[in-house]
C-alpha atoms as a PDB file:
ATOM      1  CA  UNK A   1     -10.713  16.666  13.404  1.00  0.00           C
ATOM      2  CA  UNK A   2     -13.145  19.855  11.843  1.00  0.00           C
ATOM      3  CA  UNK A   3     -12.427  22.503   9.538  1.00  0.00           C
ATOM      4  CA  UNK A   4     -13.510  25.528  11.427  1.00  0.00           C
ATOM      5  CA  UNK A   5     -13.802  27.585   8.427  1.00  0.00           C
ATOM      6  CA  UNK A   6     -15.953  26.040   5.763  1.00  0.00           C
ATOM      7  CA  UNK A   7     -15.262  28.676   3.436  1.00  0.00           C
ATOM      8  CA  UNK A   8     -11.967  27.188   2.669  1.00  0.00           C
ATOM      9  CA  UNK A   9     -12.607  23.583   2.601  1.00  0.00           C
ATOM     10  CA  UNK A  10     -12.409  21.627  -0.579  1.00  0.00           C
ATOM     11  CA  UNK A  11     -13.703  18.423  -1.130  1.00  0.00           C
ATOM     12  CA  UNK A  12     -13.330  17.326  -4.515  1.00  0.00           C
ATOM     13  CA  UNK A  13     -11.705  14.072  -4.601  1.00  0.00           C
ATOM     14  CA  UNK A  14      -9.647  15.123  -8.048  1.00  0.00           C
ATOM     15  CA  UNK A  15      -8.076  17.877  -6.396  1.00  0.00           C
ATOM     16  CA  UNK A  16      -7.066  16.359  -3.089  1.00  0.00           C
ATOM     17  CA  UNK A  17      -5.494  13.184  -4.649  1.00  0.00           C
ATOM     18  CA  UNK A  18      -3.521  15.679  -7.021  1.00  0.00           C
ATOM     19  CA  UNK A  19      -2.165  17.282  -4.162  1.00  0.00           C
ATOM     20  CA  UNK A  20      -1.107  14.287  -2.500  1.00  0.00           C
ATOM     21  CA  UNK A  21       0.255  12.958  -5.979  1.00  0.00           C
ATOM     22  CA  UNK A  22       2.481  16.467  -6.102  1.00  0.00           C
ATOM     23  CA  UNK A  23       3.202  16.575  -2.746  1.00  0.00           C
ATOM     24  CA  UNK A  24       3.792  13.277  -1.725  1.00  0.00           C
ATOM     25  CA  UNK A  25       5.630  13.296   1.493  1.00  0.00           C
ATOM     26  CA  UNK A  26       3.063  13.390   4.341  1.00  0.00           C
ATOM     27  CA  UNK A  27       3.509  14.273   7.872  1.00  0.00           C
ATOM     28  CA  UNK A  28       2.067  10.942   9.716  1.00  0.00           C
ATOM     29  CA  UNK A  29       0.588  11.504  13.445  1.00  0.00           C
ATOM     30  CA  UNK A  30      -0.484   8.553  15.396  1.00  0.00           C
ATOM     31  CA  UNK A  31      -2.053   9.591  18.846  1.00  0.00           C
ATOM     32  CA  UNK A  32      -1.521   6.950  21.481  1.00  0.00           C
ATOM     33  CA  UNK A  33      -2.351   6.743  25.424  1.00  0.00           C
ATOM     34  CA  UNK A  34      -1.822  10.700  25.430  1.00  0.00           C
ATOM     35  CA  UNK A  35       1.229  10.465  23.160  1.00  0.00           C
ATOM     36  CA  UNK A  36       1.625  11.965  19.572  1.00  0.00           C
ATOM     37  CA  UNK A  37       4.026  10.026  17.066  1.00  0.00           C
ATOM     38  CA  UNK A  38       5.030  11.908  14.476  1.00  0.00           C
ATOM     39  CA  UNK A  39       7.027  10.856  11.477  1.00  0.00           C
ATOM     40  CA  UNK A  40       7.859  12.063   7.996  1.00  0.00           C
ATOM     41  CA  UNK A  41       7.058   9.467   5.403  1.00  0.00           C
ATOM     42  CA  UNK A  42       6.776   9.668   1.524  1.00  0.00           C
ATOM     43  CA  UNK A  43       3.245   8.173   0.703  1.00  0.00           C
ATOM     44  CA  UNK A  44       1.799   7.404  -2.692  1.00  0.00           C
ATOM     45  CA  UNK A  45      -1.940   6.968  -3.224  1.00  0.00           C
ATOM     46  CA  UNK A  46      -3.317   3.590  -4.898  1.00  0.00           C
ATOM     47  CA  UNK A  47      -7.004   4.808  -5.848  1.00  0.00           C
ATOM     48  CA  UNK A  48      -7.989   1.238  -6.693  1.00  0.00           C
ATOM     49  CA  UNK A  49      -7.928  -0.035  -3.049  1.00  0.00           C
ATOM     50  CA  UNK A  50     -10.904   0.680  -1.026  1.00  0.00           C
ATOM     51  CA  UNK A  51     -13.453   3.487  -1.259  1.00  0.00           C
ATOM     52  CA  UNK A  52     -11.150   6.857  -0.771  1.00  0.00           C
ATOM     53  CA  UNK A  53      -7.698   5.260  -1.526  1.00  0.00           C
ATOM     54  CA  UNK A  54      -5.221   3.316   0.363  1.00  0.00           C
ATOM     55  CA  UNK A  55      -1.878   5.460   1.216  1.00  0.00           C
ATOM     56  CA  UNK A  56       1.419   3.500   1.083  1.00  0.00           C
ATOM     57  CA  UNK A  57       4.703   4.000   2.382  1.00  0.00           C
ATOM     58  CA  UNK A  58       7.465   2.300   4.323  1.00  0.00           C
ATOM     59  CA  UNK A  59       9.317   2.968   7.706  1.00  0.00           C
ATOM     60  CA  UNK A  60      12.502   1.765   9.416  1.00  0.00           C
ATOM     61  CA  UNK A  61      11.969  -1.322  11.233  1.00  0.00           C
ATOM     62  CA  UNK A  62      13.138   0.269  14.575  1.00  0.00           C
ATOM     63  CA  UNK A  63      10.662   3.110  14.224  1.00  0.00           C
ATOM     64  CA  UNK A  64       8.516   3.428  17.649  1.00  0.00           C
ATOM     65  CA  UNK A  65       5.255   3.800  15.968  1.00  0.00           C
ATOM     66  CA  UNK A  66       5.509   0.215  14.795  1.00  0.00           C
ATOM     67  CA  UNK A  67       4.172  -1.970  18.109  1.00  0.00           C
ATOM     68  CA  UNK A  68       1.524   0.654  18.284  1.00  0.00           C
ATOM     69  CA  UNK A  69      -0.160  -0.494  14.937  1.00  0.00           C
ATOM     70  CA  UNK A  70      -3.039  -1.063  13.873  1.00  0.00           C
ATOM     71  CA  UNK A  71      -3.823   2.460  15.034  1.00  0.00           C
ATOM     72  CA  UNK A  72      -5.897   5.364  14.017  1.00  0.00           C
ATOM     73  CA  UNK A  73      -3.771   7.896  12.192  1.00  0.00           C
ATOM     74  CA  UNK A  74      -3.789  11.551  10.136  1.00  0.00           C
ATOM     75  CA  UNK A  75      -1.617  11.685   6.974  1.00  0.00           C
ATOM     76  CA  UNK A  76      -1.206  15.719   6.544  1.00  0.00           C
ATOM     77  CA  UNK A  77       0.222  16.848   3.108  1.00  0.00           C
ATOM     78  CA  UNK A  78       1.227  20.100   2.545  1.00  0.00           C
ATOM     79  CA  UNK A  79       1.072  21.956  -0.540  1.00  0.00           C
ATOM     80  CA  UNK A  80       2.002  25.799  -1.681  1.00  0.00           C
ATOM     81  CA  UNK A  81       2.229  28.484   1.305  1.00  0.00           C
ATOM     82  CA  UNK A  82       3.075  31.741   1.517  1.00  0.00           C
ATOM     83  CA  UNK A  83       2.979  34.781   3.781  1.00  0.00           C
ATOM     84  CA  UNK A  84       0.596  37.383   2.759  1.00  0.00           C
ATOM     85  CA  UNK A  85       1.356  41.409   3.526  1.00  0.00           C
ATOM     86  CA  UNK A  86      -1.649  43.543   4.055  1.00  0.00           C
ATOM     87  CA  UNK A  87       0.274  46.318   2.084  1.00  0.00           C
ATOM     88  CA  UNK A  88      -0.832  44.034  -1.109  1.00  0.00           C
ATOM     89  CA  UNK A  89      -4.594  44.801  -0.074  1.00  0.00           C
ATOM     90  CA  UNK A  90      -5.859  48.139  -1.993  1.00  0.00           C
ATOM     91  CA  UNK A  91      -8.248  48.478   0.327  1.00  0.00           C
ATOM     92  CA  UNK A  92      -5.518  49.267   2.916  1.00  0.00           C
ATOM     93  CA  UNK A  93      -5.940  52.698   1.457  1.00  0.00           C
ATOM     94  CA  UNK A  94      -9.390  52.985   2.390  1.00  0.00           C
ATOM     95  CA  UNK A  95      -8.909  52.710   6.016  1.00  0.00           C
ATOM     96  CA  UNK A  96      -6.056  51.005   7.248  1.00  0.00           C
ATOM     97  CA  UNK A  97      -7.860  48.014   8.604  1.00  0.00           C
ATOM     98  CA  UNK A  98      -5.691  45.024   7.083  1.00  0.00           C
ATOM     99  CA  UNK A  99      -3.599  42.246   8.806  1.00  0.00           C
ATOM    100  CA  UNK A 100      -1.276  39.904   7.490  1.00  0.00           C
ATOM    101  CA  UNK A 101      -2.077  36.489   7.420  1.00  0.00           C
ATOM    102  CA  UNK A 102      -1.277  33.195   5.976  1.00  0.00           C
ATOM    103  CA  UNK A 103      -1.884  31.015   2.662  1.00  0.00           C
ATOM    104  CA  UNK A 104      -1.727  27.430   2.611  1.00  0.00           C
ATOM    105  CA  UNK A 105      -2.916  24.216   0.692  1.00  0.00           C
ATOM    106  CA  UNK A 106      -3.145  20.799   2.912  1.00  0.00           C
ATOM    107  CA  UNK A 107      -4.962  17.639   2.563  1.00  0.00           C
ATOM    108  CA  UNK A 108      -5.712  15.699   5.649  1.00  0.00           C
ATOM    109  CA  UNK A 109      -5.938  11.792   5.203  1.00  0.00           C
ATOM    110  CA  UNK A 110      -8.033  10.163   8.072  1.00  0.00           C
ATOM    111  CA  UNK A 111      -7.872   5.903   8.402  1.00  0.00           C
ATOM    112  CA  UNK A 112      -6.443   3.275  10.439  1.00  0.00           C
ATOM    113  CA  UNK A 113      -2.745   3.003   9.725  1.00  0.00           C
ATOM    114  CA  UNK A 114      -1.629  -0.890   9.323  1.00  0.00           C
ATOM    115  CA  UNK A 115       1.662  -2.489   9.156  1.00  0.00           C
ATOM    116  CA  UNK A 116       3.025  -4.589   6.072  1.00  0.00           C
ATOM    117  CA  UNK A 117       5.655  -7.139   7.013  1.00  0.00           C
ATOM    118  CA  UNK A 118       5.134  -9.695   3.933  1.00  0.00           C
ATOM    119  CA  UNK A 119       8.362  -9.619   1.987  1.00  0.00           C
ATOM    120  CA  UNK A 120       6.396  -9.900  -1.372  1.00  0.00           C
ATOM    121  CA  UNK A 121       4.154  -7.026  -0.574  1.00  0.00           C
ATOM    122  CA  UNK A 122       7.074  -5.415   0.911  1.00  0.00           C
ATOM    123  CA  UNK A 123       9.068  -5.492  -2.359  1.00  0.00           C
ATOM    124  CA  UNK A 124       5.947  -4.441  -4.040  1.00  0.00           C
ATOM    125  CA  UNK A 125       6.152  -1.195  -2.562  1.00  0.00           C
ATOM    126  CA  UNK A 126       9.486  -0.345  -3.094  1.00  0.00           C
ATOM    127  CA  UNK A 127       9.066  -0.968  -6.570  1.00  0.00           C
ATOM    128  CA  UNK A 128       6.372   1.759  -6.721  1.00  0.00           C
ATOM    129  CA  UNK A 129       7.534   4.130  -5.306  1.00  0.00           C
ATOM    130  CA  UNK A 130      10.686   3.819  -7.107  1.00  0.00           C
ATOM    131  CA  UNK A 131       8.819   3.561 -10.447  1.00  0.00           C
ATOM    132  CA  UNK A 132       6.855   6.908  -9.106  1.00  0.00           C
ATOM    133  CA  UNK A 133       9.781   9.225  -8.614  1.00  0.00           C
ATOM    134  CA  UNK A 134      12.090   7.736 -11.228  1.00  0.00           C
ATOM    135  CA  UNK A 135       9.854   7.937 -14.219  1.00  0.00           C
ATOM    136  CA  UNK A 136      10.635  11.043 -15.510  1.00  0.00           C
ATOM    137  CA  UNK A 137      13.912  10.600 -15.607  1.00  0.00           C
ATOM    138  CA  UNK A 138      16.151   9.932 -19.112  1.00  0.00           C
ATOM    139  CA  UNK A 139      17.582   7.069 -17.095  1.00  0.00           C
ATOM    140  CA  UNK A 140      15.416   5.932 -14.602  1.00  0.00           C
ATOM    141  CA  UNK A 141      16.897   3.937 -11.380  1.00  0.00           C
ATOM    142  CA  UNK A 142      15.045   0.575 -10.442  1.00  0.00           C
ATOM    143  CA  UNK A 143      15.249  -1.365  -7.819  1.00  0.00           C
ATOM    144  CA  UNK A 144      16.541  -4.295  -9.371  1.00  0.00           C
ATOM    145  CA  UNK A 145      19.730  -2.035 -10.376  1.00  0.00           C
ATOM    146  CA  UNK A 146      21.094  -2.931  -6.681  1.00  0.00           C
ATOM    147  CA  UNK A 147      22.408  -6.218  -6.106  1.00  0.00           C
ATOM    148  CA  UNK A 148      19.557  -8.645  -5.040  1.00  0.00           C
ATOM    149  CA  UNK A 149      21.647  -9.632  -1.668  1.00  0.00           C
ATOM    150  CA  UNK A 150      21.902  -5.810  -0.989  1.00  0.00           C
ATOM    151  CA  UNK A 151      18.092  -5.141  -1.017  1.00  0.00           C
ATOM    152  CA  UNK A 152      17.133  -8.401   0.576  1.00  0.00           C
ATOM    153  CA  UNK A 153      19.529  -7.166   3.647  1.00  0.00           C
ATOM    154  CA  UNK A 154      17.385  -3.363   3.218  1.00  0.00           C
ATOM    155  CA  UNK A 155      14.261  -5.393   3.144  1.00  0.00           C
ATOM    156  CA  UNK A 156      15.041  -6.564   6.618  1.00  0.00           C
ATOM    157  CA  UNK A 157      15.347  -3.411   7.896  1.00  0.00           C
ATOM    158  CA  UNK A 158      12.138  -1.760   6.830  1.00  0.00           C
ATOM    159  CA  UNK A 159       8.407  -2.578   7.300  1.00  0.00           C
ATOM    160  CA  UNK A 160       5.700  -1.556   5.174  1.00  0.00           C
ATOM    161  CA  UNK A 161       2.513   0.538   6.209  1.00  0.00           C
ATOM    162  CA  UNK A 162      -0.761   1.350   4.754  1.00  0.00           C
ATOM    163  CA  UNK A 163      -3.502   3.792   5.281  1.00  0.00           C
ATOM    164  CA  UNK A 164      -6.778   3.026   4.100  1.00  0.00           C
ATOM    165  CA  UNK A 165      -8.484   6.333   3.828  1.00  0.00           C
ATOM    166  CA  UNK A 166     -11.444   6.509   5.984  1.00  0.00           C
ATOM    167  CA  UNK A 167     -11.793  10.498   5.231  1.00  0.00           C
ATOM    168  CA  UNK A 168     -10.334  13.224   3.319  1.00  0.00           C
ATOM    169  CA  UNK A 169      -9.958  16.918   4.296  1.00  0.00           C
ATOM    170  CA  UNK A 170      -9.047  19.529   2.165  1.00  0.00           C
ATOM    171  CA  UNK A 171      -8.056  23.207   3.543  1.00  0.00           C
ATOM    172  CA  UNK A 172      -7.303  26.047   0.155  1.00  0.00           C
ATOM    173  CA  UNK A 173      -6.754  29.743   2.163  1.00  0.00           C
ATOM    174  CA  UNK A 174      -6.017  31.272  -0.824  1.00  0.00           C
ATOM    175  CA  UNK A 175      -7.318  34.528  -0.342  1.00  0.00           C
ATOM    176  CA  UNK A 176     -11.234  33.517  -1.164  1.00  0.00           C
ATOM    177  CA  UNK A 177     -12.343  35.902   1.462  1.00  0.00           C
ATOM    178  CA  UNK A 178     -10.949  38.866  -0.350  1.00  0.00           C
ATOM    179  CA  UNK A 179     -12.739  40.953  -2.821  1.00  0.00           C
ATOM    180  CA  UNK A 180     -11.381  40.357  -6.443  1.00  0.00           C
ATOM    181  CA  UNK A 181      -9.416  44.086  -6.362  1.00  0.00           C
ATOM    182  CA  UNK A 182      -7.612  42.710  -3.179  1.00  0.00           C
ATOM    183  CA  UNK A 183      -6.767  39.220  -4.636  1.00  0.00           C
ATOM    184  CA  UNK A 184      -5.325  40.972  -7.647  1.00  0.00           C
ATOM    185  CA  UNK A 185      -2.956  42.726  -5.044  1.00  0.00           C
ATOM    186  CA  UNK A 186      -2.033  39.781  -3.437  1.00  0.00           C
ATOM    187  CA  UNK A 187      -1.307  38.076  -6.762  1.00  0.00           C
ATOM    188  CA  UNK A 188       0.859  40.834  -7.568  1.00  0.00           C
ATOM    189  CA  UNK A 189       2.679  40.859  -4.670  1.00  0.00           C
ATOM    190  CA  UNK A 190       3.290  37.496  -4.569  1.00  0.00           C
ATOM    191  CA  UNK A 191       5.187  37.429  -8.025  1.00  0.00           C
ATOM    192  CA  UNK A 192       7.066  39.929  -7.295  1.00  0.00           C
ATOM    193  CA  UNK A 193       8.623  38.134  -4.168  1.00  0.00           C
ATOM    194  CA  UNK A 194      10.527  36.303  -7.191  1.00  0.00           C
ATOM    195  CA  UNK A 195      10.496  32.790  -5.570  1.00  0.00           C
ATOM    196  CA  UNK A 196       8.565  29.205  -6.314  1.00  0.00           C
ATOM    197  CA  UNK A 197       6.755  28.881  -3.522  1.00  0.00           C
ATOM    198  CA  UNK A 198       5.048  32.130  -3.814  1.00  0.00           C
ATOM    199  CA  UNK A 199       4.494  31.754  -7.546  1.00  0.00           C
ATOM    200  CA  UNK A 200       2.944  28.591  -6.672  1.00  0.00           C
ATOM    201  CA  UNK A 201       0.316  30.409  -4.426  1.00  0.00           C
ATOM    202  CA  UNK A 202      -0.160  33.146  -6.919  1.00  0.00           C
ATOM    203  CA  UNK A 203      -1.352  30.235  -8.862  1.00  0.00           C
ATOM    204  CA  UNK A 204      -3.640  29.039  -6.446  1.00  0.00           C
ATOM    205  CA  UNK A 205      -5.101  32.691  -5.713  1.00  0.00           C
ATOM    206  CA  UNK A 206      -5.427  33.543  -9.312  1.00  0.00           C
ATOM    207  CA  UNK A 207      -7.277  30.270 -10.329  1.00  0.00           C
ATOM    208  CA  UNK A 208      -9.702  30.935  -7.473  1.00  0.00           C
ATOM    209  CA  UNK A 209      -9.559  27.331  -6.526  1.00  0.00           C
ATOM    210  CA  UNK A 210     -12.915  26.520  -5.221  1.00  0.00           C
ATOM    211  CA  UNK A 211     -14.582  23.196  -4.869  1.00  0.00           C
END
């Protein structure tokens, strides 16, 4: 996959990996014999494994993608996104030649998806996932809180997956192609929307995020 507009490309690993950590639910796409297999899977990034890190998670054992592995795949992580009204552009008053658009930030991780069926590795995946998402809680849940036989039963129902990343792509379409005045209008318009999604996008536009 090639990014059509290089103006919106972000390549800095720290920015891309921060987005993956902030929005870990990935749209995982595998193509096999002309059929696209799409799953939505929370993945965590282990930056110490491989030159570009490795994404790790798990799926149900009955998942139809497992018999296809190993297979080329792409994991898409979706960040802030928002509709942008042309009425927010001060330049609209000059000639009216403005149209709506959509701002968004996404990360694409390309690699070869593998299955992990070793019980020890699979248990380690569950430990890491739960610890990462529970760490900020005052009384974090841990996998050891559940009865061992219950966890063992669940382990037989899932299979781990790993995606060693060969290539990262980032697309940050955050009004970089507008003038400073129009960008200020976009920020003002987004903030007036009063939603957390619009505020998150306003922060990206205001920051003028560029690699």
